[in-house]
Amino acid sequence: MRLTSTLFFLIFLGACSNEVQTVPGRWYTAQQVASGAGLYKDNCAVCHADDGSATVEWRTPDANGIYPPPPLNGSAHTWHHPLDVLDNTIVNGGAEFGGVMPGFGNTLDAKDRLAIIAWFQSLWTDDIYSRWKKIDERTQ
């Protein structure tokens, strides 16, 4: 009986530790990335594309002077912003930066926002992520 209890505890502990282990070299977990994929699709993909690529013309404003949504896949400027700025942009929208992205502060809680950020950061190459991490660390 004792061996069964101990074995169950070790299996349970192993399962729990897998949930909290971060993706190697990243701040987020695989569970956050998986959760963020659906949240991103439901809230962000309509503007930033299913794969985070948005538009290649993201630097060119339209006839009204409005810039299109930038890619979030690491090919645009998103990686220049620390985590708190990324989160704040999701909460309050893009007006602070001259954009038209709506805020999702009433729609997405902190856990959901971090999951979305984890998902699109999972698209970033290790080089881009490393550059972002240095920027993020300087702001803390």
N, C-alpha and C. Protein backbone atom coordinates (compact mmCIF):
# COMPACT_ATOMS: atom_id res chain seq x y z
N MET A 1 0.82 -1.18 0.00
CA MET A 1 0.00 0.00 0.00
C MET A 1 0.87 1.26 0.00
N ARG A 2 1.91 1.25 0.82
CA ARG A 2 2.78 2.40 0.92
C ARG A 2 3.49 2.65 -0.42
N LEU A 3 3.94 1.62 -1.10
CA LEU A 3 4.60 1.77 -2.39
C LEU A 3 3.65 2.39 -3.41
N THR A 4 2.39 1.96 -3.42
CA THR A 4 1.40 2.53 -4.34
C THR A 4 1.20 4.01 -4.07
N SER A 5 1.09 4.39 -2.81
CA SER A 5 0.91 5.81 -2.45
C SER A 5 2.13 6.62 -2.86
N THR A 6 3.30 6.08 -2.61
CA THR A 6 4.53 6.78 -2.97
C THR A 6 4.64 6.92 -4.49
N LEU A 7 4.32 5.85 -5.20
CA LEU A 7 4.37 5.89 -6.66
C LEU A 7 3.38 6.92 -7.20
N PHE A 8 2.16 6.92 -6.66
CA PHE A 8 1.16 7.90 -7.08
C PHE A 8 1.66 9.32 -6.83
N PHE A 9 2.24 9.55 -5.66
CA PHE A 9 2.75 10.88 -5.31
C PHE A 9 3.85 11.30 -6.28
N LEU A 10 4.76 10.39 -6.62
CA LEU A 10 5.84 10.73 -7.55
C LEU A 10 5.31 11.03 -8.95
N ILE A 11 4.32 10.26 -9.39
CA ILE A 11 3.71 10.52 -10.70
C ILE A 11 3.00 11.87 -10.67
N PHE A 12 2.26 12.13 -9.59
CA PHE A 12 1.57 13.41 -9.45
C PHE A 12 2.57 14.56 -9.44
N LEU A 13 3.63 14.41 -8.67
CA LEU A 13 4.65 15.45 -8.59
C LEU A 13 5.29 15.69 -9.94
N GLY A 14 5.56 14.62 -10.67
CA GLY A 14 6.13 14.74 -12.01
C GLY A 14 5.20 15.47 -12.96
N ALA A 15 3.93 15.17 -12.89
CA ALA A 15 2.95 15.84 -13.74
C ALA A 15 2.86 17.31 -13.41
N CYS A 16 2.88 17.63 -12.12
CA CYS A 16 2.82 19.04 -11.71
C CYS A 16 4.08 19.79 -12.14
N SER A 17 5.22 19.16 -12.00
CA SER A 17 6.45 19.86 -12.35
C SER A 17 6.53 20.10 -13.85
N ASN A 18 5.94 19.24 -14.67
CA ASN A 18 5.92 19.46 -16.11
C ASN A 18 5.12 20.70 -16.46
N GLU A 19 4.08 20.96 -15.69
CA GLU A 19 3.23 22.11 -15.97
C GLU A 19 3.94 23.43 -15.67
N VAL A 20 4.83 23.43 -14.71
CA VAL A 20 5.47 24.68 -14.32
C VAL A 20 6.85 24.86 -14.94
N GLN A 21 7.32 23.89 -15.66
CA GLN A 21 8.61 24.02 -16.31
C GLN A 21 8.48 24.94 -17.51
N THR A 22 9.38 25.89 -17.59
CA THR A 22 9.34 26.79 -18.73
C THR A 22 9.95 26.13 -19.96
N VAL A 23 9.57 26.65 -21.10
CA VAL A 23 10.18 26.22 -22.35
C VAL A 23 11.66 26.58 -22.23
N PRO A 24 12.58 25.69 -22.57
CA PRO A 24 14.00 25.98 -22.40
C PRO A 24 14.40 27.33 -23.01
N GLY A 25 15.01 28.16 -22.15
CA GLY A 25 15.50 29.46 -22.58
C GLY A 25 14.44 30.55 -22.66
N ARG A 26 13.20 30.24 -22.31
CA ARG A 26 12.10 31.21 -22.39
C ARG A 26 11.45 31.39 -21.02
N TRP A 27 10.64 32.42 -20.87
CA TRP A 27 9.98 32.69 -19.59
C TRP A 27 8.67 31.93 -19.43
N TYR A 28 8.11 31.41 -20.49
CA TYR A 28 6.76 30.83 -20.48
C TYR A 28 6.80 29.31 -20.57
N THR A 29 5.63 28.73 -20.26
CA THR A 29 5.50 27.28 -20.31
C THR A 29 4.83 26.83 -21.60
N ALA A 30 4.97 25.57 -21.91
CA ALA A 30 4.30 25.00 -23.08
C ALA A 30 2.78 25.10 -22.91
N GLN A 31 2.31 24.98 -21.68
CA GLN A 31 0.87 25.10 -21.41
C GLN A 31 0.38 26.51 -21.74
N GLN A 32 1.17 27.53 -21.42
CA GLN A 32 0.79 28.90 -21.76
C GLN A 32 0.72 29.08 -23.27
N VAL A 33 1.67 28.51 -23.98
CA VAL A 33 1.68 28.61 -25.45
C VAL A 33 0.43 27.95 -26.02
N ALA A 34 0.10 26.77 -25.52
CA ALA A 34 -1.07 26.05 -26.02
C ALA A 34 -2.35 26.84 -25.73
N SER A 35 -2.46 27.37 -24.55
CA SER A 35 -3.63 28.18 -24.19
C SER A 35 -3.67 29.46 -25.02
N GLY A 36 -2.51 30.07 -25.21
CA GLY A 36 -2.43 31.31 -25.97
C GLY A 36 -2.80 31.15 -27.42
N ALA A 37 -2.60 29.98 -27.98
CA ALA A 37 -2.93 29.76 -29.40
C ALA A 37 -4.42 30.00 -29.66
N GLY A 38 -5.27 29.44 -28.84
CA GLY A 38 -6.70 29.63 -29.00
C GLY A 38 -7.14 31.05 -28.70
N LEU A 39 -6.58 31.62 -27.64
CA LEU A 39 -6.92 33.00 -27.28
C LEU A 39 -6.48 33.97 -28.37
N TYR A 40 -5.30 33.73 -28.93
CA TYR A 40 -4.82 34.56 -30.03
C TYR A 40 -5.76 34.46 -31.22
N LYS A 41 -6.12 33.24 -31.57
CA LYS A 41 -7.01 33.03 -32.72
C LYS A 41 -8.34 33.77 -32.53
N ASP A 42 -8.87 33.70 -31.31
CA ASP A 42 -10.17 34.31 -31.02
C ASP A 42 -10.12 35.83 -30.92
N ASN A 43 -8.99 36.40 -30.56
CA ASN A 43 -8.93 37.84 -30.27
C ASN A 43 -7.99 38.65 -31.14
N CYS A 44 -6.99 38.02 -31.72
CA CYS A 44 -5.92 38.78 -32.38
C CYS A 44 -5.75 38.47 -33.86
N ALA A 45 -6.05 37.25 -34.25
CA ALA A 45 -5.75 36.79 -35.61
C ALA A 45 -6.47 37.58 -36.68
N VAL A 46 -7.63 38.11 -36.38
CA VAL A 46 -8.38 38.86 -37.38
C VAL A 46 -7.56 40.04 -37.91
N CYS A 47 -6.70 40.61 -37.09
CA CYS A 47 -5.86 41.73 -37.52
C CYS A 47 -4.40 41.34 -37.76
N HIS A 48 -3.89 40.45 -36.92
CA HIS A 48 -2.47 40.10 -36.99
C HIS A 48 -2.19 38.80 -37.74
N ALA A 49 -3.21 38.17 -38.34
CA ALA A 49 -3.14 36.94 -39.13
C ALA A 49 -2.99 35.71 -38.22
N ASP A 50 -3.47 34.59 -38.72
CA ASP A 50 -3.43 33.34 -37.95
C ASP A 50 -2.02 32.96 -37.51
N ASP A 51 -1.04 33.26 -38.35
CA ASP A 51 0.34 32.89 -38.06
C ASP A 51 1.17 34.05 -37.51
N GLY A 52 0.52 35.15 -37.16
CA GLY A 52 1.23 36.30 -36.61
C GLY A 52 1.96 37.15 -37.63
N SER A 53 1.75 36.86 -38.92
CA SER A 53 2.51 37.56 -39.96
C SER A 53 1.92 38.91 -40.36
N ALA A 54 0.66 39.16 -40.02
CA ALA A 54 -0.03 40.41 -40.35
C ALA A 54 0.18 40.78 -41.82
N THR A 55 0.84 41.89 -42.07
CA THR A 55 1.09 42.32 -43.46
C THR A 55 2.53 42.77 -43.62
N VAL A 56 3.08 42.53 -44.79
CA VAL A 56 4.46 42.97 -45.03
C VAL A 56 4.54 44.48 -45.15
N GLU A 57 3.41 45.13 -45.39
CA GLU A 57 3.36 46.59 -45.54
C GLU A 57 3.05 47.30 -44.23
N TRP A 58 3.40 46.71 -43.11
CA TRP A 58 3.05 47.27 -41.81
C TRP A 58 3.69 48.62 -41.54
N ARG A 59 4.73 48.95 -42.27
CA ARG A 59 5.41 50.25 -42.09
C ARG A 59 4.79 51.36 -42.94
N THR A 60 3.84 51.03 -43.78
CA THR A 60 3.25 51.99 -44.72
C THR A 60 1.84 52.36 -44.27
N PRO A 61 1.61 53.62 -43.92
CA PRO A 61 0.26 54.02 -43.50
C PRO A 61 -0.72 54.02 -44.68
N ASP A 62 -1.98 53.85 -44.35
CA ASP A 62 -3.01 53.89 -45.39
C ASP A 62 -3.33 55.35 -45.74
N ALA A 63 -4.34 55.56 -46.56
CA ALA A 63 -4.71 56.91 -47.01
C ALA A 63 -5.08 57.83 -45.85
N ASN A 64 -5.50 57.25 -44.73
CA ASN A 64 -5.86 58.05 -43.55
C ASN A 64 -4.70 58.22 -42.57
N GLY A 65 -3.52 57.74 -42.95
CA GLY A 65 -2.35 57.86 -42.09
C GLY A 65 -2.28 56.81 -41.00
N ILE A 66 -3.10 55.78 -41.11
CA ILE A 66 -3.13 54.72 -40.11
C ILE A 66 -2.26 53.55 -40.56
N TYR A 67 -1.41 53.12 -39.67
CA TYR A 67 -0.54 51.99 -39.97
C TYR A 67 -1.29 50.69 -39.77
N PRO A 68 -1.08 49.71 -40.65
CA PRO A 68 -1.71 48.40 -40.47
C PRO A 68 -1.11 47.69 -39.25
N PRO A 69 -1.80 46.67 -38.75
CA PRO A 69 -1.27 45.91 -37.62
C PRO A 69 0.09 45.30 -37.98
N PRO A 70 1.05 45.41 -37.07
CA PRO A 70 2.36 44.82 -37.34
C PRO A 70 2.35 43.31 -37.12
N PRO A 71 3.27 42.61 -37.77
CA PRO A 71 3.44 41.20 -37.48
C PRO A 71 3.87 41.02 -36.02
N LEU A 72 3.46 39.93 -35.43
CA LEU A 72 3.86 39.60 -34.05
C LEU A 72 4.82 38.41 -34.03
N ASN A 73 5.21 37.94 -35.20
CA ASN A 73 6.02 36.73 -35.32
C ASN A 73 7.52 36.95 -35.20
N GLY A 74 7.92 38.16 -34.82
CA GLY A 74 9.34 38.46 -34.66
C GLY A 74 9.93 39.20 -35.84
N SER A 75 9.15 39.41 -36.88
CA SER A 75 9.68 40.08 -38.08
C SER A 75 9.43 41.60 -38.06
N ALA A 76 8.78 42.10 -37.02
CA ALA A 76 8.51 43.54 -36.91
C ALA A 76 9.08 44.04 -35.58
N HIS A 77 8.53 45.09 -35.06
CA HIS A 77 9.08 45.76 -33.89
C HIS A 77 8.58 45.24 -32.55
N THR A 78 7.70 44.28 -32.52
CA THR A 78 7.13 43.81 -31.26
C THR A 78 8.21 43.40 -30.27
N TRP A 79 9.27 42.79 -30.76
CA TRP A 79 10.33 42.33 -29.87
C TRP A 79 11.12 43.48 -29.24
N HIS A 80 10.90 44.69 -29.69
CA HIS A 80 11.58 45.86 -29.11
C HIS A 80 10.93 46.30 -27.80
N HIS A 81 9.78 45.73 -27.46
CA HIS A 81 9.01 46.16 -26.30
C HIS A 81 9.09 45.15 -25.17
N PRO A 82 9.39 45.61 -23.95
CA PRO A 82 9.43 44.69 -22.81
C PRO A 82 8.05 44.12 -22.51
N LEU A 83 8.03 43.10 -21.70
CA LEU A 83 6.80 42.38 -21.38
C LEU A 83 5.70 43.30 -20.85
N ASP A 84 6.06 44.24 -19.97
CA ASP A 84 5.02 45.11 -19.41
C ASP A 84 4.41 46.01 -20.47
N VAL A 85 5.18 46.42 -21.47
CA VAL A 85 4.63 47.24 -22.55
C VAL A 85 3.74 46.40 -23.46
N LEU A 86 4.15 45.17 -23.74
CA LEU A 86 3.31 44.28 -24.54
C LEU A 86 1.97 44.06 -23.83
N ASP A 87 2.02 43.77 -22.55
CA ASP A 87 0.80 43.55 -21.78
C ASP A 87 -0.05 44.83 -21.76
N ASN A 88 0.56 45.96 -21.51
CA ASN A 88 -0.17 47.23 -21.46
C ASN A 88 -0.84 47.53 -22.80
N THR A 89 -0.18 47.20 -23.89
CA THR A 89 -0.76 47.43 -25.21
C THR A 89 -2.00 46.56 -25.42
N ILE A 90 -1.95 45.33 -24.94
CA ILE A 90 -3.13 44.47 -25.04
C ILE A 90 -4.25 45.03 -24.16
N VAL A 91 -3.93 45.49 -22.97
CA VAL A 91 -4.94 46.03 -22.06
C VAL A 91 -5.57 47.29 -22.63
N ASN A 92 -4.74 48.26 -23.02
CA ASN A 92 -5.22 49.60 -23.37
C ASN A 92 -5.33 49.87 -24.86
N GLY A 93 -4.80 48.99 -25.68
CA GLY A 93 -4.83 49.22 -27.12
C GLY A 93 -3.62 49.99 -27.59
N GLY A 94 -3.63 50.33 -28.86
CA GLY A 94 -2.47 50.95 -29.47
C GLY A 94 -2.47 52.46 -29.56
N ALA A 95 -3.47 53.12 -28.98
CA ALA A 95 -3.56 54.59 -29.09
C ALA A 95 -2.31 55.29 -28.56
N GLU A 96 -1.74 54.76 -27.49
CA GLU A 96 -0.53 55.35 -26.91
C GLU A 96 0.61 55.44 -27.92
N PHE A 97 0.60 54.53 -28.88
CA PHE A 97 1.65 54.49 -29.90
C PHE A 97 1.16 55.02 -31.24
N GLY A 98 0.01 55.68 -31.24
CA GLY A 98 -0.54 56.21 -32.48
C GLY A 98 -1.29 55.20 -33.31
N GLY A 99 -1.60 54.07 -32.73
CA GLY A 99 -2.31 53.01 -33.45
C GLY A 99 -3.79 53.02 -33.15
N VAL A 100 -4.49 52.09 -33.78
CA VAL A 100 -5.93 51.98 -33.61
C VAL A 100 -6.36 50.65 -32.99
N MET A 101 -5.41 49.85 -32.55
CA MET A 101 -5.76 48.58 -31.91
C MET A 101 -6.63 48.86 -30.69
N PRO A 102 -7.76 48.14 -30.57
CA PRO A 102 -8.60 48.33 -29.38
C PRO A 102 -7.95 47.69 -28.16
N GLY A 103 -8.33 48.15 -27.00
CA GLY A 103 -7.86 47.53 -25.76
C GLY A 103 -8.69 46.31 -25.43
N PHE A 104 -8.07 45.33 -24.82
CA PHE A 104 -8.74 44.10 -24.43
C PHE A 104 -8.76 43.92 -22.92
N GLY A 105 -8.55 45.02 -22.19
CA GLY A 105 -8.50 44.96 -20.73
C GLY A 105 -9.78 44.46 -20.10
N ASN A 106 -10.91 44.67 -20.73
CA ASN A 106 -12.18 44.18 -20.20
C ASN A 106 -12.53 42.78 -20.71
N THR A 107 -11.73 42.27 -21.63
CA THR A 107 -12.00 40.98 -22.25
C THR A 107 -11.04 39.89 -21.77
N LEU A 108 -9.78 40.25 -21.63
CA LEU A 108 -8.74 39.27 -21.30
C LEU A 108 -8.13 39.58 -19.93
N ASP A 109 -8.06 38.57 -19.08
CA ASP A 109 -7.39 38.78 -17.78
C ASP A 109 -5.88 38.62 -17.96
N ALA A 110 -5.15 38.88 -16.90
CA ALA A 110 -3.68 38.86 -16.96
C ALA A 110 -3.16 37.51 -17.43
N LYS A 111 -3.76 36.42 -16.95
CA LYS A 111 -3.32 35.07 -17.35
C LYS A 111 -3.50 34.88 -18.85
N ASP A 112 -4.63 35.31 -19.39
CA ASP A 112 -4.90 35.18 -20.82
C ASP A 112 -3.94 36.03 -21.65
N ARG A 113 -3.69 37.25 -21.19
CA ARG A 113 -2.78 38.13 -21.94
C ARG A 113 -1.38 37.55 -21.99
N LEU A 114 -0.92 37.00 -20.87
CA LEU A 114 0.42 36.39 -20.86
C LEU A 114 0.46 35.16 -21.76
N ALA A 115 -0.63 34.42 -21.81
CA ALA A 115 -0.68 33.25 -22.69
C ALA A 115 -0.59 33.68 -24.16
N ILE A 116 -1.26 34.75 -24.51
CA ILE A 116 -1.19 35.26 -25.89
C ILE A 116 0.23 35.71 -26.21
N ILE A 117 0.85 36.42 -25.29
CA ILE A 117 2.24 36.87 -25.50
C ILE A 117 3.15 35.65 -25.63
N ALA A 118 2.95 34.66 -24.77
CA ALA A 118 3.75 33.43 -24.86
C ALA A 118 3.59 32.79 -26.23
N TRP A 119 2.35 32.75 -26.73
CA TRP A 119 2.13 32.13 -28.03
C TRP A 119 2.89 32.86 -29.12
N PHE A 120 2.74 34.18 -29.21
CA PHE A 120 3.43 34.83 -30.33
C PHE A 120 4.93 34.89 -30.11
N GLN A 121 5.40 34.91 -28.87
CA GLN A 121 6.84 34.84 -28.66
C GLN A 121 7.39 33.46 -29.02
N SER A 122 6.55 32.45 -28.96
CA SER A 122 7.01 31.11 -29.35
C SER A 122 7.32 31.04 -30.84
N LEU A 123 6.82 32.01 -31.59
CA LEU A 123 7.12 32.09 -33.03
C LEU A 123 8.48 32.72 -33.30
N TRP A 124 9.01 33.40 -32.32
CA TRP A 124 10.27 34.13 -32.49
C TRP A 124 11.45 33.17 -32.52
N THR A 125 12.43 33.50 -33.35
CA THR A 125 13.67 32.73 -33.36
C THR A 125 14.38 32.93 -32.02
N ASP A 126 15.30 32.06 -31.72
CA ASP A 126 16.08 32.22 -30.48
C ASP A 126 16.86 33.53 -30.49
N ASP A 127 17.34 33.95 -31.65
CA ASP A 127 18.08 35.21 -31.74
C ASP A 127 17.18 36.40 -31.40
N ILE A 128 15.99 36.45 -31.98
CA ILE A 128 15.06 37.55 -31.69
C ILE A 128 14.65 37.51 -30.22
N TYR A 129 14.36 36.32 -29.72
CA TYR A 129 13.97 36.22 -28.31
C TYR A 129 15.10 36.70 -27.40
N SER A 130 16.32 36.33 -27.71
CA SER A 130 17.47 36.75 -26.92
C SER A 130 17.61 38.28 -26.92
N ARG A 131 17.41 38.88 -28.06
CA ARG A 131 17.47 40.35 -28.14
C ARG A 131 16.36 40.96 -27.29
N TRP A 132 15.15 40.39 -27.40
CA TRP A 132 14.02 40.88 -26.60
C TRP A 132 14.32 40.75 -25.11
N LYS A 133 14.87 39.62 -24.71
CA LYS A 133 15.13 39.37 -23.29
C LYS A 133 16.07 40.42 -22.72
N LYS A 134 17.06 40.84 -23.47
CA LYS A 134 17.98 41.89 -23.00
C LYS A 134 17.23 43.20 -22.80
N ILE A 135 16.33 43.52 -23.69
CA ILE A 135 15.52 44.75 -23.56
C ILE A 135 14.62 44.63 -22.33
N ASP A 136 13.97 43.49 -22.17
CA ASP A 136 13.06 43.29 -21.06
C ASP A 136 13.81 43.37 -19.73
N GLU A 137 14.98 42.77 -19.65
CA GLU A 137 15.77 42.78 -18.41
C GLU A 137 16.21 44.19 -18.03
N ARG A 138 16.48 45.04 -19.00
CA ARG A 138 16.90 46.42 -18.72
C ARG A 138 15.79 47.25 -18.10
N THR A 139 14.55 46.86 -18.34
CA THR A 139 13.42 47.65 -17.85
C THR A 139 12.98 47.22 -16.45
N GLN A 140 13.52 46.15 -15.94
CA GLN A 140 13.09 45.66 -14.63
C GLN A 140 13.88 46.29 -13.52
